[in-house]
N, C-alpha and C. Protein backbone atom coordinates (compact mmCIF):
# COMPACT_ATOMS: atom_id res chain seq x y z
N MET A 1 0.86 -1.22 -0.04
CA MET A 1 -0.01 -0.04 0.06
C MET A 1 0.86 1.24 -0.02
N GLY A 2 0.54 2.29 -0.93
CA GLY A 2 1.36 3.39 -0.99
C GLY A 2 0.84 4.53 -0.06
N ARG A 3 1.47 5.60 0.04
CA ARG A 3 1.17 6.64 0.87
C ARG A 3 0.12 7.53 0.09
N ILE A 4 -0.47 8.44 0.74
CA ILE A 4 -1.35 9.57 0.22
C ILE A 4 -0.52 10.82 0.39
N LEU A 5 -0.46 11.61 -0.56
CA LEU A 5 0.33 12.92 -0.44
C LEU A 5 -0.71 13.99 -0.59
N ALA A 6 -0.68 14.99 0.16
CA ALA A 6 -1.55 16.12 0.17
C ALA A 6 -0.78 17.46 -0.34
N ILE A 7 -1.49 18.22 -1.10
CA ILE A 7 -0.91 19.50 -1.62
C ILE A 7 -1.81 20.60 -1.29
N ASP A 8 -1.22 21.65 -0.61
CA ASP A 8 -1.79 22.90 -0.42
C ASP A 8 -1.19 23.82 -1.39
N PHE A 9 -1.83 23.95 -2.61
CA PHE A 9 -1.25 24.68 -3.63
C PHE A 9 -1.32 26.26 -3.56
N GLY A 10 -0.24 26.78 -3.79
CA GLY A 10 -0.22 28.27 -3.79
C GLY A 10 0.55 28.77 -5.01
N ARG A 11 0.32 30.02 -5.35
CA ARG A 11 0.95 30.70 -6.48
C ARG A 11 2.46 30.74 -6.35
N LYS A 12 2.92 30.97 -5.13
CA LYS A 12 4.40 31.03 -4.97
C LYS A 12 4.98 29.75 -4.25
N ARG A 13 4.27 29.32 -3.19
CA ARG A 13 4.73 28.25 -2.39
C ARG A 13 3.54 27.18 -2.35
N THR A 14 4.11 25.93 -2.18
CA THR A 14 3.12 24.80 -2.04
C THR A 14 3.53 24.01 -0.81
N GLY A 15 2.56 23.81 0.05
CA GLY A 15 2.77 22.99 1.19
C GLY A 15 2.43 21.56 0.94
N LEU A 16 3.26 20.59 1.48
CA LEU A 16 3.12 19.20 1.24
C LEU A 16 2.98 18.44 2.55
N ALA A 17 2.15 17.43 2.53
CA ALA A 17 2.08 16.49 3.69
C ALA A 17 1.84 15.18 3.12
N VAL A 18 2.19 14.11 3.95
CA VAL A 18 2.05 12.69 3.54
C VAL A 18 1.72 11.89 4.61
N THR A 19 1.08 10.69 4.30
CA THR A 19 0.73 9.71 5.31
C THR A 19 1.91 8.81 5.59
N ASP A 20 1.81 8.08 6.60
CA ASP A 20 2.73 6.97 6.83
C ASP A 20 2.39 5.80 5.93
N VAL A 21 3.09 4.86 5.77
CA VAL A 21 2.80 3.67 4.80
C VAL A 21 1.51 3.00 5.12
N LEU A 22 1.04 2.96 6.42
CA LEU A 22 -0.20 2.35 6.79
C LEU A 22 -1.43 3.30 6.64
N ARG A 23 -1.09 4.54 6.36
CA ARG A 23 -2.14 5.58 6.08
C ARG A 23 -2.94 5.86 7.44
N ILE A 24 -2.19 5.86 8.50
CA ILE A 24 -2.82 6.12 9.71
C ILE A 24 -2.71 7.63 10.18
N THR A 25 -1.51 8.07 9.96
CA THR A 25 -1.26 9.45 10.39
C THR A 25 -0.84 10.35 9.14
N ALA A 26 -1.11 11.59 9.32
CA ALA A 26 -0.77 12.65 8.28
C ALA A 26 0.36 13.45 8.96
N ASN A 27 1.45 13.66 8.20
CA ASN A 27 2.59 14.35 8.64
C ASN A 27 3.04 15.48 7.72
N PRO A 28 3.28 16.71 8.27
CA PRO A 28 3.77 17.75 7.40
C PRO A 28 5.11 17.27 6.73
N LEU A 29 5.26 17.56 5.48
CA LEU A 29 6.52 17.19 4.77
C LEU A 29 7.43 18.33 4.57
N LEU A 30 6.97 19.27 3.75
CA LEU A 30 7.83 20.46 3.40
C LEU A 30 7.01 21.50 2.60
N THR A 31 7.60 22.59 2.51
CA THR A 31 7.00 23.70 1.61
C THR A 31 8.03 23.95 0.51
N ILE A 32 7.58 23.86 -0.70
CA ILE A 32 8.35 24.10 -1.87
C ILE A 32 7.91 25.23 -2.69
N GLU A 33 8.80 25.89 -3.50
CA GLU A 33 8.38 26.88 -4.43
C GLU A 33 7.64 26.13 -5.46
N THR A 34 6.42 26.77 -5.80
CA THR A 34 5.49 26.11 -6.72
C THR A 34 6.08 25.86 -8.15
N LYS A 35 6.93 26.61 -8.54
CA LYS A 35 7.53 26.48 -9.86
C LYS A 35 8.47 25.16 -9.95
N ASP A 36 8.83 24.62 -8.76
CA ASP A 36 9.67 23.46 -8.79
C ASP A 36 8.80 22.22 -8.37
N LEU A 37 7.48 22.36 -8.25
CA LEU A 37 6.69 21.25 -7.65
C LEU A 37 6.60 20.02 -8.55
N ILE A 38 6.46 20.17 -9.88
CA ILE A 38 6.24 18.95 -10.72
C ILE A 38 7.66 18.13 -10.82
N GLN A 39 8.78 18.90 -10.75
CA GLN A 39 9.98 18.17 -10.77
C GLN A 39 10.29 17.46 -9.38
N TRP A 40 9.73 18.12 -8.29
CA TRP A 40 10.04 17.55 -6.98
C TRP A 40 9.06 16.28 -6.90
N LEU A 41 7.94 16.40 -7.35
CA LEU A 41 6.95 15.27 -7.42
C LEU A 41 7.49 14.13 -8.20
N THR A 42 8.11 14.40 -9.34
CA THR A 42 8.73 13.34 -10.21
C THR A 42 9.78 12.58 -9.41
N ASP A 43 10.61 13.35 -8.74
CA ASP A 43 11.70 12.68 -7.90
C ASP A 43 11.15 11.92 -6.74
N TYR A 44 10.17 12.53 -5.99
CA TYR A 44 9.49 11.85 -4.87
C TYR A 44 8.77 10.60 -5.24
N PHE A 45 8.12 10.63 -6.34
CA PHE A 45 7.36 9.39 -6.83
C PHE A 45 8.33 8.25 -7.22
N ALA A 46 9.54 8.68 -7.60
CA ALA A 46 10.47 7.69 -8.11
C ALA A 46 11.01 6.98 -6.83
N HIS A 47 11.06 7.60 -5.67
CA HIS A 47 11.58 6.99 -4.45
C HIS A 47 10.59 6.48 -3.35
N GLU A 48 9.37 6.95 -3.45
CA GLU A 48 8.23 6.65 -2.48
C GLU A 48 7.05 6.08 -3.16
N PRO A 49 6.40 5.03 -2.59
CA PRO A 49 5.16 4.67 -3.13
C PRO A 49 4.03 5.53 -2.76
N VAL A 50 3.49 6.27 -3.66
CA VAL A 50 2.39 7.11 -3.49
C VAL A 50 1.25 6.74 -4.36
N ASP A 51 0.20 6.22 -3.74
CA ASP A 51 -1.05 5.62 -4.51
C ASP A 51 -2.01 6.87 -4.89
N GLU A 52 -2.07 7.89 -4.12
CA GLU A 52 -3.09 8.92 -4.35
C GLU A 52 -2.58 10.31 -3.91
N VAL A 53 -3.03 11.26 -4.59
CA VAL A 53 -2.70 12.67 -4.26
C VAL A 53 -3.91 13.39 -3.91
N VAL A 54 -3.94 14.19 -2.90
CA VAL A 54 -5.16 14.98 -2.53
C VAL A 54 -4.66 16.48 -2.63
N ILE A 55 -5.50 17.41 -3.28
CA ILE A 55 -5.16 18.75 -3.45
C ILE A 55 -6.25 19.47 -2.82
N GLY A 56 -5.89 20.51 -2.07
CA GLY A 56 -6.81 21.40 -1.46
C GLY A 56 -7.73 22.15 -2.52
N HIS A 57 -9.07 22.06 -2.27
CA HIS A 57 -9.99 22.73 -3.14
C HIS A 57 -10.47 23.97 -2.46
N PRO A 58 -10.01 25.22 -2.82
CA PRO A 58 -10.30 26.46 -2.18
C PRO A 58 -11.71 26.91 -2.64
N THR A 59 -12.59 27.05 -1.66
CA THR A 59 -13.85 27.46 -1.89
C THR A 59 -14.22 28.79 -1.09
N GLN A 60 -15.28 29.48 -1.49
CA GLN A 60 -15.65 30.62 -0.73
C GLN A 60 -16.72 30.07 0.23
N MET A 61 -17.21 30.94 1.10
CA MET A 61 -18.11 30.55 2.20
C MET A 61 -19.42 30.15 1.45
N ASN A 62 -19.84 30.57 0.36
CA ASN A 62 -21.02 30.06 -0.17
C ASN A 62 -20.82 28.74 -0.99
N GLY A 63 -19.73 28.23 -0.96
CA GLY A 63 -19.40 26.89 -1.60
C GLY A 63 -18.94 27.00 -2.97
N GLU A 64 -18.87 28.24 -3.50
CA GLU A 64 -18.36 28.32 -4.98
C GLU A 64 -16.76 28.37 -4.90
N ASP A 65 -16.21 28.03 -6.09
CA ASP A 65 -14.77 28.02 -6.22
C ASP A 65 -14.21 29.47 -5.96
N SER A 66 -13.09 29.55 -5.30
CA SER A 66 -12.32 30.72 -5.10
C SER A 66 -11.55 31.14 -6.20
N GLU A 67 -11.02 32.30 -6.37
CA GLU A 67 -10.15 32.76 -7.35
C GLU A 67 -8.93 31.87 -7.57
N SER A 68 -8.40 31.20 -6.52
CA SER A 68 -7.31 30.45 -6.57
C SER A 68 -7.40 29.24 -7.64
N MET A 69 -8.66 28.80 -7.85
CA MET A 69 -8.79 27.70 -8.81
C MET A 69 -8.38 28.07 -10.14
N ASN A 70 -8.20 29.31 -10.49
CA ASN A 70 -7.65 29.72 -11.78
C ASN A 70 -6.22 29.31 -11.93
N TYR A 71 -5.55 28.97 -10.82
CA TYR A 71 -4.14 28.53 -10.79
C TYR A 71 -4.09 27.07 -10.59
N ILE A 72 -5.08 26.54 -9.82
CA ILE A 72 -5.01 25.10 -9.53
C ILE A 72 -5.41 24.24 -10.70
N ARG A 73 -6.47 24.66 -11.46
CA ARG A 73 -6.92 23.92 -12.62
C ARG A 73 -5.83 23.61 -13.61
N PRO A 74 -5.04 24.62 -13.95
CA PRO A 74 -3.90 24.41 -14.97
C PRO A 74 -2.91 23.45 -14.32
N PHE A 75 -2.61 23.48 -13.01
CA PHE A 75 -1.69 22.63 -12.36
C PHE A 75 -2.24 21.23 -12.39
N MET A 76 -3.52 21.05 -12.13
CA MET A 76 -4.13 19.68 -12.16
C MET A 76 -4.03 19.09 -13.51
N GLY A 77 -4.28 19.89 -14.64
CA GLY A 77 -4.10 19.42 -15.97
C GLY A 77 -2.66 18.91 -16.23
N GLN A 78 -1.68 19.61 -15.79
CA GLN A 78 -0.31 19.32 -15.95
C GLN A 78 -0.02 18.08 -15.14
N PHE A 79 -0.52 17.98 -13.95
CA PHE A 79 -0.33 16.76 -13.08
C PHE A 79 -0.80 15.53 -13.82
N LYS A 80 -2.01 15.60 -14.31
CA LYS A 80 -2.60 14.42 -15.00
C LYS A 80 -1.92 13.98 -16.14
N LYS A 81 -1.41 14.94 -16.85
CA LYS A 81 -0.55 14.77 -18.10
C LYS A 81 0.72 14.06 -17.67
N GLN A 82 1.45 14.57 -16.62
CA GLN A 82 2.77 14.12 -16.19
C GLN A 82 2.60 12.80 -15.53
N PHE A 83 1.60 12.58 -14.76
CA PHE A 83 1.47 11.41 -13.96
C PHE A 83 0.02 10.65 -14.06
N PRO A 84 -0.19 10.20 -15.23
CA PRO A 84 -1.55 9.70 -15.57
C PRO A 84 -2.02 8.50 -14.67
N ASP A 85 -0.99 7.81 -14.09
CA ASP A 85 -1.37 6.72 -13.21
C ASP A 85 -1.73 7.10 -11.78
N LYS A 86 -1.51 8.37 -11.39
CA LYS A 86 -1.77 8.84 -9.97
C LYS A 86 -3.09 9.56 -9.94
N PRO A 87 -4.06 8.98 -9.19
CA PRO A 87 -5.32 9.72 -9.03
C PRO A 87 -5.07 10.90 -8.19
N ILE A 88 -5.78 12.03 -8.54
CA ILE A 88 -5.76 13.32 -7.87
C ILE A 88 -7.12 13.67 -7.38
N THR A 89 -7.35 13.93 -6.01
CA THR A 89 -8.63 14.19 -5.63
C THR A 89 -8.66 15.56 -4.96
N MET A 90 -9.73 16.23 -5.18
CA MET A 90 -9.75 17.56 -4.52
C MET A 90 -10.51 17.44 -3.18
N TYR A 91 -10.16 18.20 -2.12
CA TYR A 91 -10.68 18.13 -0.90
C TYR A 91 -10.82 19.59 -0.36
N ASP A 92 -11.95 19.94 0.22
CA ASP A 92 -12.27 21.23 0.58
C ASP A 92 -11.16 21.76 1.66
N GLU A 93 -10.63 22.92 1.37
CA GLU A 93 -9.54 23.35 2.17
C GLU A 93 -9.96 24.68 2.92
N ARG A 94 -11.28 24.89 2.98
CA ARG A 94 -11.71 26.16 3.77
C ARG A 94 -11.19 26.10 5.29
N PHE A 95 -10.71 27.13 5.66
CA PHE A 95 -10.18 27.33 7.01
C PHE A 95 -8.97 26.68 7.40
N THR A 96 -8.32 26.06 6.45
CA THR A 96 -7.04 25.26 6.79
C THR A 96 -6.00 26.24 7.30
N SER A 97 -5.88 27.38 6.78
CA SER A 97 -4.79 28.29 7.23
C SER A 97 -5.10 28.76 8.58
N VAL A 98 -6.35 29.12 8.91
CA VAL A 98 -6.83 29.43 10.35
C VAL A 98 -6.55 28.27 11.24
N LEU A 99 -6.91 27.13 10.82
CA LEU A 99 -6.52 25.96 11.74
C LEU A 99 -5.13 25.72 11.96
N ALA A 100 -4.33 25.92 10.90
CA ALA A 100 -3.01 25.77 11.04
C ALA A 100 -2.32 26.73 12.02
N HIS A 101 -2.72 27.98 11.98
CA HIS A 101 -2.32 28.98 13.01
C HIS A 101 -2.68 28.60 14.33
N GLN A 102 -4.03 28.04 14.52
CA GLN A 102 -4.49 27.71 15.77
C GLN A 102 -3.65 26.51 16.32
N ALA A 103 -3.25 25.56 15.45
CA ALA A 103 -2.45 24.36 15.84
C ALA A 103 -1.07 24.86 16.32
N MET A 104 -0.47 25.84 15.63
CA MET A 104 0.77 26.35 16.03
C MET A 104 0.75 27.07 17.29
N ILE A 105 -0.29 27.84 17.67
CA ILE A 105 -0.45 28.45 18.91
C ILE A 105 -0.65 27.33 20.04
N ALA A 106 -1.55 26.42 19.78
CA ALA A 106 -1.69 25.33 20.77
C ALA A 106 -0.48 24.56 21.00
N GLY A 107 0.46 24.37 19.91
CA GLY A 107 1.66 23.72 20.13
C GLY A 107 2.73 24.54 20.77
N GLY A 108 2.47 25.72 21.15
CA GLY A 108 3.43 26.62 21.83
C GLY A 108 4.47 27.28 20.90
N MET A 109 4.13 27.33 19.61
CA MET A 109 5.15 27.95 18.61
C MET A 109 5.13 29.40 18.94
N LYS A 110 6.36 30.05 18.79
CA LYS A 110 6.71 31.53 19.06
C LYS A 110 6.03 32.28 18.01
N LYS A 111 5.58 33.52 18.31
CA LYS A 111 4.93 34.30 17.37
C LYS A 111 5.76 34.49 15.99
N LYS A 112 7.06 34.71 16.21
CA LYS A 112 8.00 34.86 15.08
C LYS A 112 7.87 33.73 14.12
N ASP A 113 7.97 32.50 14.71
CA ASP A 113 7.88 31.25 13.92
C ASP A 113 6.43 31.06 13.21
N ARG A 114 5.48 31.52 13.86
CA ARG A 114 4.07 31.41 13.36
C ARG A 114 3.95 32.33 12.10
N GLN A 115 4.70 33.31 12.03
CA GLN A 115 4.57 34.25 10.89
C GLN A 115 5.32 33.69 9.59
N ASN A 116 6.04 32.58 9.79
CA ASN A 116 6.71 31.95 8.60
C ASN A 116 5.66 31.27 7.73
N LYS A 117 5.39 31.82 6.63
CA LYS A 117 4.27 31.30 5.82
C LYS A 117 4.60 29.92 5.38
N ALA A 118 5.86 29.55 5.21
CA ALA A 118 6.15 28.21 4.65
C ALA A 118 5.69 27.13 5.67
N VAL A 119 5.82 27.33 7.02
CA VAL A 119 5.40 26.65 7.97
C VAL A 119 3.87 26.37 7.95
N VAL A 120 3.17 27.56 7.84
CA VAL A 120 1.76 27.46 7.69
C VAL A 120 1.20 26.63 6.54
N ASP A 121 1.92 26.70 5.38
CA ASP A 121 1.59 26.03 4.19
C ASP A 121 1.68 24.49 4.38
N LYS A 122 2.71 23.99 4.99
CA LYS A 122 2.87 22.52 5.24
C LYS A 122 1.84 22.05 6.21
N ILE A 123 1.64 22.91 7.31
CA ILE A 123 0.66 22.50 8.29
C ILE A 123 -0.62 22.44 7.67
N ALA A 124 -1.09 23.40 6.90
CA ALA A 124 -2.37 23.36 6.19
C ALA A 124 -2.44 22.17 5.17
N ALA A 125 -1.43 21.78 4.59
CA ALA A 125 -1.47 20.56 3.78
C ALA A 125 -1.75 19.36 4.65
N CYS A 126 -1.18 19.33 5.85
CA CYS A 126 -1.41 18.21 6.80
C CYS A 126 -2.89 18.24 7.26
N ILE A 127 -3.42 19.46 7.47
CA ILE A 127 -4.81 19.46 7.99
C ILE A 127 -5.77 18.97 6.81
N ILE A 128 -5.53 19.36 5.59
CA ILE A 128 -6.22 18.84 4.48
C ILE A 128 -6.17 17.27 4.39
N LEU A 129 -4.85 16.76 4.57
CA LEU A 129 -4.75 15.36 4.58
C LEU A 129 -5.49 14.62 5.78
N GLU A 130 -5.37 15.29 6.86
CA GLU A 130 -6.12 14.66 8.06
C GLU A 130 -7.64 14.59 7.89
N GLY A 131 -8.22 15.64 7.17
CA GLY A 131 -9.61 15.74 6.88
C GLY A 131 -10.03 14.65 5.84
N TYR A 132 -9.17 14.54 4.86
CA TYR A 132 -9.36 13.52 3.82
C TYR A 132 -9.32 12.15 4.37
N LEU A 133 -8.32 11.91 5.23
CA LEU A 133 -8.17 10.51 5.84
C LEU A 133 -9.53 10.29 6.71
N GLU A 134 -10.03 11.23 7.43
CA GLU A 134 -11.22 11.03 8.17
C GLU A 134 -12.41 10.74 7.33
N LYS A 135 -12.47 11.45 6.21
CA LYS A 135 -13.61 11.22 5.22
C LYS A 135 -13.52 9.81 4.65
N ILE A 136 -12.39 9.32 4.25
CA ILE A 136 -12.39 7.93 3.68
C ILE A 136 -12.55 6.87 4.67
N LYS A 137 -12.23 7.11 5.97
CA LYS A 137 -12.48 6.07 7.02
C LYS A 137 -14.07 5.91 7.31
N ASN A 138 -14.75 7.06 7.09
CA ASN A 138 -16.19 6.91 7.35
C ASN A 138 -17.09 6.59 6.21
């Protein structure tokens, strides 16, 4: 059984999280510059068994797609072309950044460290993955 990889896609930076091999826990992985994402995924998939990818689906409060989808759709097209054997699933990412900040505060992270957007991005990816894991368990 392969891992599930989560992507919190951003125009400049993208947060990544991954499950353990048993798909029990979600762990923040790293934040990468978005321009390097496809190459990083190519390298990662060559060394790690990944069966599925989950990407955050940014929506507005009324449930409609947010403006960020204008950047995510082209990435998803590129992903499907580059990795046709890897299923990619969208999962609602509303409030993940807020939840990431709350998790950092609860974890005792200093204010200066909480302002590091790269940390927020990979924690947001982890929250997306945790939500997805909970959904597929039920």
